[in-house]
């Protein structure tokens, strides 16, 4: 892969998992605003803001055939972590362990990006290279949907479609709250 996931992403991934997963009772994050299909969250100590959305459509296939699969939480996040200089860091939570040596593909209009799993951080997450962070956010601001295609460690392909309605307002709110 040739790059290392920043520490801030791992921290945010843990926070998001705590806020949406089975351990939700252990730590509640404050949702400060819901903007159409995106929600804005803030944690004050240390200061972390992120926006999150779930897919509007999910399809799984194996061997070219549509299949029904069991997945945990499926989310797309943009994190803002001022204490670590993170101004907008995308991440995808697949809801299953990702194939460790394969890229997750993201398409927004005509823009295409690769996201990469890192099992040493969390095998259900994928992140772009840091040089793609701003490009993804720009494309998401202009697009109507983001389509994310991943492959599980068992070989199942999933295609998740995320609506981008409300994305721009949500990301601007998160960046304002975490200046």
N, C-alpha and C. Protein backbone atom coordinates (compact mmCIF):
# COMPACT_ATOMS: atom_id res chain seq x y z
N UNK A 1 0.83 -1.18 0.00
CA UNK A 1 0.00 0.00 0.00
C UNK A 1 0.87 1.24 0.00
N UNK A 2 1.91 1.30 0.80
CA UNK A 2 2.83 2.40 0.75
C UNK A 2 2.46 3.62 1.59
N UNK A 3 1.48 3.53 2.43
CA UNK A 3 1.13 4.65 3.30
C UNK A 3 0.57 4.11 4.59
N UNK A 4 0.55 4.96 5.62
CA UNK A 4 0.11 4.55 6.94
C UNK A 4 -1.12 5.36 7.33
N UNK A 5 -2.12 4.70 7.89
CA UNK A 5 -3.32 5.37 8.36
C UNK A 5 -2.94 6.30 9.51
N UNK A 6 -3.32 7.57 9.45
CA UNK A 6 -3.02 8.47 10.56
C UNK A 6 -3.70 8.01 11.85
N UNK A 7 -3.08 8.32 12.97
CA UNK A 7 -3.64 7.93 14.26
C UNK A 7 -5.04 8.48 14.45
N UNK A 8 -5.32 9.66 13.96
CA UNK A 8 -6.63 10.29 14.13
C UNK A 8 -7.74 9.45 13.56
N UNK A 9 -7.47 8.78 12.46
CA UNK A 9 -8.49 7.96 11.83
C UNK A 9 -8.85 6.78 12.73
N UNK A 10 -7.85 6.15 13.30
CA UNK A 10 -8.12 5.01 14.18
C UNK A 10 -8.93 5.46 15.38
N UNK A 11 -8.58 6.61 15.93
CA UNK A 11 -9.32 7.15 17.07
C UNK A 11 -10.77 7.43 16.69
N UNK A 12 -10.96 8.08 15.55
CA UNK A 12 -12.32 8.39 15.09
C UNK A 12 -13.09 7.11 14.80
N UNK A 13 -12.43 6.14 14.21
CA UNK A 13 -13.09 4.87 13.92
C UNK A 13 -13.61 4.22 15.21
N UNK A 14 -12.80 4.31 16.25
CA UNK A 14 -13.24 3.74 17.52
C UNK A 14 -14.43 4.52 18.08
N UNK A 15 -14.39 5.85 17.98
CA UNK A 15 -15.51 6.67 18.46
C UNK A 15 -16.78 6.35 17.70
N UNK A 16 -16.65 6.26 16.39
CA UNK A 16 -17.83 5.98 15.56
C UNK A 16 -18.38 4.60 15.89
N UNK A 17 -17.49 3.64 16.07
CA UNK A 17 -17.95 2.31 16.44
C UNK A 17 -18.68 2.32 17.77
N UNK A 18 -18.17 3.11 18.70
CA UNK A 18 -18.84 3.20 19.99
C UNK A 18 -20.18 3.89 19.89
N UNK A 19 -20.29 4.87 19.01
CA UNK A 19 -21.54 5.62 18.94
C UNK A 19 -22.62 4.87 18.18
N UNK A 20 -22.26 4.01 17.24
CA UNK A 20 -23.25 3.33 16.43
C UNK A 20 -23.34 1.84 16.68
N UNK A 21 -22.32 1.25 17.26
CA UNK A 21 -22.30 -0.20 17.42
C UNK A 21 -22.95 -0.65 18.71
N UNK A 22 -22.72 -1.89 19.03
CA UNK A 22 -23.34 -2.51 20.20
C UNK A 22 -22.92 -1.83 21.51
N UNK A 23 -21.79 -1.17 21.49
CA UNK A 23 -21.30 -0.52 22.71
C UNK A 23 -21.82 0.91 22.85
N UNK A 24 -22.92 1.22 22.20
CA UNK A 24 -23.43 2.60 22.22
C UNK A 24 -23.67 3.11 23.64
N UNK A 25 -23.96 2.23 24.56
CA UNK A 25 -24.19 2.66 25.93
C UNK A 25 -22.90 3.10 26.61
N UNK A 26 -21.75 2.63 26.11
CA UNK A 26 -20.48 2.94 26.75
C UNK A 26 -20.06 4.39 26.54
N UNK A 27 -20.37 4.95 25.39
CA UNK A 27 -19.98 6.33 25.12
C UNK A 27 -20.97 6.91 24.12
N UNK A 28 -21.64 7.96 24.51
CA UNK A 28 -22.57 8.63 23.61
C UNK A 28 -21.92 9.89 23.07
N UNK A 29 -21.94 10.02 21.77
CA UNK A 29 -21.47 11.24 21.15
C UNK A 29 -22.67 12.12 20.89
N UNK A 30 -22.44 13.42 20.85
CA UNK A 30 -23.53 14.37 20.67
C UNK A 30 -23.77 14.62 19.18
N UNK A 31 -24.99 14.26 18.70
CA UNK A 31 -25.37 14.63 17.35
C UNK A 31 -25.85 16.07 17.43
N UNK A 32 -25.18 16.96 16.71
CA UNK A 32 -25.52 18.37 16.80
C UNK A 32 -26.46 18.81 15.69
N UNK A 33 -26.52 18.04 14.62
CA UNK A 33 -27.40 18.43 13.53
C UNK A 33 -27.58 17.26 12.56
N UNK A 34 -28.77 17.15 12.01
CA UNK A 34 -29.05 16.22 10.93
C UNK A 34 -29.37 17.06 9.70
N UNK A 35 -28.62 16.84 8.62
CA UNK A 35 -28.80 17.60 7.39
C UNK A 35 -29.14 16.62 6.29
N UNK A 36 -30.43 16.49 6.01
CA UNK A 36 -30.95 15.57 5.01
C UNK A 36 -30.42 14.16 5.30
N UNK A 37 -29.48 13.65 4.49
CA UNK A 37 -29.00 12.28 4.66
C UNK A 37 -27.71 12.15 5.46
N UNK A 38 -27.25 13.25 6.05
CA UNK A 38 -26.00 13.25 6.81
C UNK A 38 -26.23 13.79 8.21
N UNK A 39 -25.52 13.23 9.18
CA UNK A 39 -25.61 13.69 10.57
C UNK A 39 -24.24 14.20 11.00
N UNK A 40 -24.25 15.24 11.82
CA UNK A 40 -23.02 15.87 12.32
C UNK A 40 -22.88 15.52 13.79
N UNK A 41 -21.71 15.01 14.18
CA UNK A 41 -21.43 14.63 15.56
C UNK A 41 -20.20 15.37 16.07
N UNK A 42 -20.19 15.60 17.38
CA UNK A 42 -19.05 16.25 18.03
C UNK A 42 -18.72 15.50 19.31
N UNK A 43 -17.43 15.28 19.54
CA UNK A 43 -16.94 14.80 20.82
C UNK A 43 -16.00 15.89 21.32
N UNK A 44 -16.18 16.30 22.56
CA UNK A 44 -15.43 17.44 23.08
C UNK A 44 -14.07 17.12 23.66
N UNK A 45 -13.80 15.87 24.03
CA UNK A 45 -12.55 15.60 24.72
C UNK A 45 -11.90 14.32 24.21
N UNK A 46 -10.94 14.39 23.32
CA UNK A 46 -10.47 15.58 22.64
C UNK A 46 -11.47 15.99 21.56
N UNK A 47 -11.34 17.19 21.09
CA UNK A 47 -12.29 17.75 20.11
C UNK A 47 -12.18 16.99 18.79
N UNK A 48 -13.28 16.35 18.40
CA UNK A 48 -13.39 15.62 17.15
C UNK A 48 -14.79 15.87 16.60
N UNK A 49 -14.87 16.21 15.33
CA UNK A 49 -16.16 16.36 14.66
C UNK A 49 -16.18 15.40 13.47
N UNK A 50 -17.33 14.86 13.17
CA UNK A 50 -17.43 14.05 11.97
C UNK A 50 -18.86 14.06 11.48
N UNK A 51 -18.99 13.79 10.19
CA UNK A 51 -20.31 13.61 9.61
C UNK A 51 -20.40 12.17 9.16
N UNK A 52 -21.61 11.66 9.14
CA UNK A 52 -21.80 10.25 8.84
C UNK A 52 -23.12 10.05 8.11
N UNK A 53 -23.13 9.07 7.22
CA UNK A 53 -24.36 8.69 6.53
C UNK A 53 -24.36 7.19 6.32
N UNK A 54 -25.53 6.64 6.18
CA UNK A 54 -25.66 5.22 5.85
C UNK A 54 -26.12 5.10 4.40
N UNK A 55 -25.92 3.96 3.78
CA UNK A 55 -26.30 3.83 2.37
C UNK A 55 -27.82 3.88 2.17
N UNK A 56 -28.21 4.40 1.03
CA UNK A 56 -29.62 4.38 0.65
C UNK A 56 -29.94 3.10 -0.10
N UNK A 57 -28.90 2.41 -0.57
CA UNK A 57 -29.08 1.15 -1.30
C UNK A 57 -27.84 0.30 -1.11
N UNK A 58 -28.02 -1.00 -0.88
CA UNK A 58 -26.91 -1.94 -0.75
C UNK A 58 -27.26 -3.21 -1.51
N UNK A 59 -26.31 -3.68 -2.32
CA UNK A 59 -26.50 -4.91 -3.09
C UNK A 59 -25.25 -5.77 -2.90
N UNK A 60 -25.44 -7.05 -2.64
CA UNK A 60 -24.32 -7.98 -2.49
C UNK A 60 -24.42 -9.05 -3.57
N UNK A 61 -23.24 -9.48 -4.06
CA UNK A 61 -23.23 -10.54 -5.07
C UNK A 61 -22.01 -11.43 -4.86
N UNK A 62 -22.17 -12.66 -5.30
CA UNK A 62 -21.09 -13.64 -5.24
C UNK A 62 -21.18 -14.47 -6.51
N UNK A 63 -20.11 -14.54 -7.26
CA UNK A 63 -20.13 -15.31 -8.51
C UNK A 63 -21.13 -14.77 -9.51
N UNK A 64 -21.35 -13.47 -9.50
CA UNK A 64 -22.29 -12.85 -10.44
C UNK A 64 -23.75 -12.94 -10.05
N UNK A 65 -24.06 -13.60 -8.93
CA UNK A 65 -25.43 -13.76 -8.47
C UNK A 65 -25.68 -12.90 -7.24
N UNK A 66 -26.83 -12.22 -7.22
CA UNK A 66 -27.20 -11.44 -6.05
C UNK A 66 -27.44 -12.38 -4.88
N UNK A 67 -26.89 -12.02 -3.72
CA UNK A 67 -27.04 -12.85 -2.52
C UNK A 67 -27.46 -11.96 -1.35
N UNK A 68 -28.03 -12.60 -0.36
CA UNK A 68 -28.37 -11.91 0.89
C UNK A 68 -27.23 -12.17 1.87
N UNK A 69 -26.74 -11.10 2.47
CA UNK A 69 -25.64 -11.23 3.42
C UNK A 69 -25.99 -10.50 4.70
N UNK A 70 -25.33 -10.92 5.77
CA UNK A 70 -25.50 -10.26 7.06
C UNK A 70 -24.32 -9.33 7.27
N UNK A 71 -24.62 -8.05 7.48
CA UNK A 71 -23.56 -7.06 7.71
C UNK A 71 -23.89 -6.27 8.95
N UNK A 72 -22.86 -5.79 9.61
CA UNK A 72 -23.09 -4.88 10.74
C UNK A 72 -23.26 -3.48 10.16
N UNK A 73 -22.95 -2.46 10.92
CA UNK A 73 -23.14 -1.07 10.49
C UNK A 73 -22.38 -0.78 9.19
N UNK A 74 -23.04 -0.07 8.28
CA UNK A 74 -22.43 0.38 7.03
C UNK A 74 -22.52 1.90 7.06
N UNK A 75 -21.37 2.57 6.98
CA UNK A 75 -21.36 4.03 7.10
C UNK A 75 -20.24 4.63 6.25
N UNK A 76 -20.44 5.90 5.89
CA UNK A 76 -19.37 6.70 5.29
C UNK A 76 -19.19 7.90 6.20
N UNK A 77 -17.94 8.24 6.50
CA UNK A 77 -17.62 9.32 7.44
C UNK A 77 -16.66 10.32 6.83
N UNK A 78 -16.76 11.54 7.29
CA UNK A 78 -15.72 12.55 7.08
C UNK A 78 -15.38 13.06 8.47
N UNK A 79 -14.10 12.96 8.85
CA UNK A 79 -13.65 13.35 10.19
C UNK A 79 -12.87 14.66 10.14
N UNK A 80 -13.05 15.46 11.19
CA UNK A 80 -12.29 16.69 11.38
C UNK A 80 -11.70 16.61 12.79
N UNK A 81 -10.36 16.61 12.88
CA UNK A 81 -9.68 16.45 14.16
C UNK A 81 -8.66 17.58 14.28
N UNK A 82 -9.06 18.73 14.82
CA UNK A 82 -8.17 19.90 14.83
C UNK A 82 -6.87 19.68 15.59
N UNK A 83 -6.88 18.90 16.65
CA UNK A 83 -5.67 18.67 17.44
C UNK A 83 -4.61 17.89 16.68
N UNK A 84 -5.00 17.24 15.58
CA UNK A 84 -4.05 16.48 14.78
C UNK A 84 -3.92 17.05 13.37
N UNK A 85 -4.51 18.24 13.15
CA UNK A 85 -4.40 18.88 11.85
C UNK A 85 -5.21 18.20 10.75
N UNK A 86 -6.22 17.43 11.13
CA UNK A 86 -7.05 16.73 10.15
C UNK A 86 -8.26 17.60 9.83
N UNK A 87 -8.31 18.08 8.58
CA UNK A 87 -9.36 19.02 8.18
C UNK A 87 -10.49 18.36 7.40
N UNK A 88 -10.39 17.10 7.11
CA UNK A 88 -11.44 16.40 6.39
C UNK A 88 -10.91 15.08 5.89
N UNK A 89 -11.19 14.01 6.62
CA UNK A 89 -10.62 12.71 6.32
C UNK A 89 -11.74 11.70 6.08
N UNK A 90 -11.92 11.23 4.84
CA UNK A 90 -12.97 10.26 4.53
C UNK A 90 -12.61 8.86 5.04
N UNK A 91 -13.65 8.10 5.39
CA UNK A 91 -13.47 6.68 5.70
C UNK A 91 -14.78 5.96 5.44
N UNK A 92 -14.66 4.68 5.10
CA UNK A 92 -15.81 3.83 4.79
C UNK A 92 -15.82 2.65 5.74
N UNK A 93 -16.96 2.41 6.38
CA UNK A 93 -17.16 1.25 7.25
C UNK A 93 -18.03 0.27 6.48
N UNK A 94 -17.45 -0.88 6.12
CA UNK A 94 -18.11 -1.85 5.24
C UNK A 94 -19.14 -2.73 5.94
N UNK A 95 -19.00 -2.94 7.24
CA UNK A 95 -19.93 -3.82 7.93
C UNK A 95 -19.53 -5.28 7.85
N UNK A 96 -18.31 -5.55 7.39
CA UNK A 96 -17.74 -6.90 7.32
C UNK A 96 -16.23 -6.75 7.14
N UNK A 97 -15.45 -7.80 7.42
CA UNK A 97 -14.01 -7.72 7.17
C UNK A 97 -13.74 -7.63 5.66
N UNK A 98 -13.00 -6.62 5.28
CA UNK A 98 -12.65 -6.41 3.87
C UNK A 98 -11.51 -7.30 3.44
N UNK A 99 -11.48 -7.63 2.16
CA UNK A 99 -10.36 -8.36 1.58
C UNK A 99 -9.12 -7.51 1.81
N UNK A 100 -8.12 -8.03 2.52
CA UNK A 100 -6.99 -7.20 2.94
C UNK A 100 -6.13 -6.65 1.81
N UNK A 101 -6.05 -7.34 0.68
CA UNK A 101 -5.15 -6.89 -0.38
C UNK A 101 -5.89 -6.26 -1.56
N UNK A 102 -7.15 -5.89 -1.35
CA UNK A 102 -7.91 -5.29 -2.45
C UNK A 102 -8.36 -3.89 -2.13
N UNK A 103 -8.43 -3.07 -3.16
CA UNK A 103 -8.90 -1.70 -2.98
C UNK A 103 -10.42 -1.66 -3.02
N UNK A 104 -11.01 -0.79 -2.23
CA UNK A 104 -12.43 -0.48 -2.28
C UNK A 104 -12.55 0.65 -3.30
N UNK A 105 -13.47 0.51 -4.23
CA UNK A 105 -13.64 1.50 -5.30
C UNK A 105 -14.77 2.46 -4.93
N UNK A 106 -14.53 3.75 -5.18
CA UNK A 106 -15.54 4.77 -4.91
C UNK A 106 -15.72 5.59 -6.17
N UNK A 107 -16.98 5.76 -6.60
CA UNK A 107 -17.29 6.53 -7.79
C UNK A 107 -18.30 7.61 -7.42
N UNK A 108 -17.98 8.85 -7.77
CA UNK A 108 -18.86 9.99 -7.57
C UNK A 108 -18.93 10.70 -8.91
N UNK A 109 -20.04 10.56 -9.62
CA UNK A 109 -20.12 11.11 -10.97
C UNK A 109 -19.04 10.48 -11.83
N UNK A 110 -18.18 11.31 -12.44
CA UNK A 110 -17.10 10.78 -13.27
C UNK A 110 -15.79 10.62 -12.49
N UNK A 111 -15.79 10.99 -11.21
CA UNK A 111 -14.59 10.89 -10.38
C UNK A 111 -14.49 9.51 -9.75
N UNK A 112 -13.28 8.93 -9.78
CA UNK A 112 -13.05 7.59 -9.22
C UNK A 112 -11.89 7.65 -8.23
N UNK A 113 -12.08 6.94 -7.12
CA UNK A 113 -11.08 6.92 -6.06
C UNK A 113 -10.92 5.50 -5.53
N UNK A 114 -9.74 5.21 -4.98
CA UNK A 114 -9.49 3.94 -4.31
C UNK A 114 -9.35 4.20 -2.82
N UNK A 115 -9.96 3.31 -2.03
CA UNK A 115 -9.81 3.32 -0.58
C UNK A 115 -9.19 1.98 -0.20
N UNK A 116 -8.43 1.99 0.88
CA UNK A 116 -7.66 0.79 1.22
C UNK A 116 -7.94 0.35 2.65
N UNK A 117 -8.19 -0.96 2.84
CA UNK A 117 -8.35 -1.47 4.20
C UNK A 117 -6.99 -1.56 4.89
N UNK A 118 -7.04 -1.50 6.20
CA UNK A 118 -5.83 -1.67 7.01
C UNK A 118 -6.23 -2.46 8.25
N UNK A 119 -6.03 -3.77 8.18
CA UNK A 119 -6.45 -4.65 9.27
C UNK A 119 -5.75 -4.33 10.58
N UNK A 120 -4.61 -3.66 10.53
CA UNK A 120 -3.92 -3.32 11.78
C UNK A 120 -4.68 -2.23 12.54
N UNK A 121 -5.55 -1.49 11.84
CA UNK A 121 -6.38 -0.48 12.49
C UNK A 121 -7.76 -1.05 12.75
N UNK A 122 -8.43 -1.51 11.68
CA UNK A 122 -9.76 -2.11 11.79
C UNK A 122 -10.06 -2.74 10.44
N UNK A 123 -10.32 -4.04 10.39
CA UNK A 123 -10.48 -4.73 9.11
C UNK A 123 -11.79 -4.45 8.40
N UNK A 124 -12.69 -3.67 9.02
CA UNK A 124 -13.95 -3.32 8.37
C UNK A 124 -13.93 -1.92 7.76
N UNK A 125 -12.85 -1.18 7.95
CA UNK A 125 -12.73 0.19 7.44
C UNK A 125 -11.79 0.24 6.24
N UNK A 126 -12.04 1.25 5.37
CA UNK A 126 -11.12 1.56 4.27
C UNK A 126 -10.98 3.08 4.19
N UNK A 127 -9.76 3.52 3.86
CA UNK A 127 -9.44 4.94 3.77
C UNK A 127 -8.75 5.22 2.45
N UNK A 128 -8.92 6.43 1.92
CA UNK A 128 -8.13 6.81 0.74
C UNK A 128 -6.72 7.18 1.16
N UNK A 129 -5.83 7.31 0.19
CA UNK A 129 -4.53 7.88 0.51
C UNK A 129 -4.78 9.33 0.91
N UNK A 130 -4.00 9.87 1.82
CA UNK A 130 -4.23 11.25 2.26
C UNK A 130 -4.27 12.27 1.13
N UNK A 131 -3.57 12.02 0.05
CA UNK A 131 -3.57 12.96 -1.07
C UNK A 131 -4.92 13.00 -1.79
N UNK A 132 -5.78 12.01 -1.58
CA UNK A 132 -7.11 11.99 -2.20
C UNK A 132 -8.20 12.58 -1.31
N UNK A 133 -7.91 12.87 -0.04
CA UNK A 133 -8.94 13.36 0.89
C UNK A 133 -9.70 14.56 0.33
N UNK A 134 -8.99 15.61 -0.05
CA UNK A 134 -9.64 16.84 -0.52
C UNK A 134 -10.40 16.59 -1.82
N UNK A 135 -9.86 15.78 -2.71
CA UNK A 135 -10.53 15.47 -3.98
C UNK A 135 -11.85 14.74 -3.76
N UNK A 136 -11.87 13.82 -2.80
CA UNK A 136 -13.11 13.11 -2.49
C UNK A 136 -14.15 14.08 -1.95
N UNK A 137 -13.74 14.94 -1.03
CA UNK A 137 -14.69 15.89 -0.44
C UNK A 137 -15.21 16.84 -1.52
N UNK A 138 -14.35 17.31 -2.41
CA UNK A 138 -14.79 18.18 -3.50
C UNK A 138 -15.79 17.46 -4.40
N UNK A 139 -15.49 16.23 -4.76
CA UNK A 139 -16.40 15.46 -5.61
C UNK A 139 -17.74 15.21 -4.89
N UNK A 140 -17.69 14.95 -3.59
CA UNK A 140 -18.92 14.71 -2.84
C UNK A 140 -19.76 15.98 -2.76
N UNK A 141 -19.12 17.13 -2.68
CA UNK A 141 -19.86 18.41 -2.66
C UNK A 141 -20.62 18.62 -3.97
N UNK A 142 -20.05 18.16 -5.08
CA UNK A 142 -20.65 18.38 -6.39
C UNK A 142 -21.59 17.26 -6.83
N UNK A 143 -21.44 16.08 -6.24
CA UNK A 143 -22.17 14.91 -6.72
C UNK A 143 -23.55 14.75 -6.10
N UNK A 144 -24.27 13.77 -6.61
CA UNK A 144 -25.59 13.45 -6.04
C UNK A 144 -25.56 12.12 -5.29
N UNK A 145 -24.69 11.21 -5.70
CA UNK A 145 -24.53 9.91 -5.05
C UNK A 145 -23.07 9.51 -5.07
N UNK A 146 -22.67 8.74 -4.06
CA UNK A 146 -21.35 8.12 -4.03
C UNK A 146 -21.59 6.61 -4.01
N UNK A 147 -20.97 5.90 -4.92
CA UNK A 147 -21.13 4.44 -5.00
C UNK A 147 -19.81 3.80 -4.57
N UNK A 148 -19.89 2.97 -3.53
CA UNK A 148 -18.70 2.35 -2.96
C UNK A 148 -18.81 0.84 -3.15
N UNK A 149 -17.80 0.26 -3.82
CA UNK A 149 -17.79 -1.18 -4.10
C UNK A 149 -16.63 -1.82 -3.37
N UNK A 150 -16.95 -2.77 -2.52
CA UNK A 150 -15.93 -3.47 -1.75
C UNK A 150 -16.07 -4.97 -1.91
N UNK A 151 -15.02 -5.68 -1.49
CA UNK A 151 -15.03 -7.14 -1.54
C UNK A 151 -14.67 -7.63 -0.15
N UNK A 152 -15.49 -8.54 0.37
CA UNK A 152 -15.25 -9.07 1.71
C UNK A 152 -14.10 -10.07 1.69
N UNK A 153 -13.62 -10.40 2.87
CA UNK A 153 -12.55 -11.39 2.98
C UNK A 153 -13.02 -12.76 2.50
N UNK A 154 -14.33 -12.96 2.38
CA UNK A 154 -14.90 -14.22 1.87
C UNK A 154 -15.18 -14.17 0.36
N UNK A 155 -14.94 -12.99 -0.26
CA UNK A 155 -15.11 -12.88 -1.70
C UNK A 155 -16.45 -12.33 -2.16
N UNK A 156 -17.28 -11.89 -1.25
CA UNK A 156 -18.57 -11.29 -1.62
C UNK A 156 -18.33 -9.83 -2.02
N UNK A 157 -18.91 -9.43 -3.14
CA UNK A 157 -18.82 -8.04 -3.59
C UNK A 157 -20.05 -7.29 -3.12
N UNK A 158 -19.85 -6.12 -2.55
CA UNK A 158 -20.98 -5.29 -2.13
C UNK A 158 -20.89 -3.94 -2.84
N UNK A 159 -22.05 -3.42 -3.19
CA UNK A 159 -22.14 -2.10 -3.80
C UNK A 159 -23.09 -1.28 -2.93
N UNK A 160 -22.56 -0.25 -2.30
CA UNK A 160 -23.33 0.62 -1.41
C UNK A 160 -23.45 2.00 -2.04
N UNK A 161 -24.67 2.51 -2.11
CA UNK A 161 -24.91 3.84 -2.67
C UNK A 161 -25.26 4.79 -1.54
N UNK A 162 -24.51 5.88 -1.44
CA UNK A 162 -24.73 6.90 -0.42
C UNK A 162 -25.27 8.15 -1.09
N UNK A 163 -26.40 8.66 -0.60
CA UNK A 163 -26.93 9.92 -1.09
C UNK A 163 -26.02 11.05 -0.61
N UNK A 164 -25.82 12.03 -1.44
CA UNK A 164 -25.01 13.19 -1.05
C UNK A 164 -25.88 14.41 -0.76
N UNK A 165 -27.19 14.20 -0.63
CA UNK A 165 -28.08 15.30 -0.25
C UNK A 165 -27.73 15.73 1.17
N UNK A 166 -27.44 17.00 1.34
CA UNK A 166 -27.07 17.53 2.65
C UNK A 166 -25.60 17.42 2.99
N UNK A 167 -24.82 16.80 2.10
CA UNK A 167 -23.39 16.60 2.40
C UNK A 167 -22.67 17.92 2.62
N UNK A 168 -22.83 18.86 1.69
CA UNK A 168 -22.08 20.12 1.77
C UNK A 168 -22.39 20.86 3.06
N UNK A 169 -23.67 20.99 3.41
CA UNK A 169 -24.04 21.69 4.65
C UNK A 169 -23.48 20.96 5.87
N UNK A 170 -23.53 19.63 5.86
CA UNK A 170 -23.03 18.85 7.00
C UNK A 170 -21.52 18.99 7.15
N UNK A 171 -20.77 18.88 6.06
CA UNK A 171 -19.32 18.97 6.17
C UNK A 171 -18.90 20.39 6.57
N UNK A 172 -19.60 21.39 6.07
CA UNK A 172 -19.29 22.76 6.49
C UNK A 172 -19.58 22.98 7.97
N UNK A 173 -20.65 22.39 8.47
CA UNK A 173 -20.98 22.50 9.90
C UNK A 173 -19.90 21.84 10.75
N UNK A 174 -19.46 20.65 10.36
CA UNK A 174 -18.41 19.94 11.11
C UNK A 174 -17.11 20.76 11.11
N UNK A 175 -16.76 21.32 9.97
CA UNK A 175 -15.53 22.11 9.89
C UNK A 175 -15.65 23.39 10.72
N UNK A 176 -16.84 23.98 10.77
CA UNK A 176 -17.07 25.18 11.60
C UNK A 176 -16.96 24.84 13.08
N UNK A 177 -17.53 23.72 13.48
CA UNK A 177 -17.53 23.32 14.90
C UNK A 177 -16.14 22.89 15.38
N UNK A 178 -15.30 22.45 14.48
CA UNK A 178 -13.97 21.96 14.86
C UNK A 178 -12.87 22.81 14.25
N UNK A 179 -13.00 24.11 14.28
CA UNK A 179 -11.95 25.01 13.77
C UNK A 179 -10.73 24.92 14.66
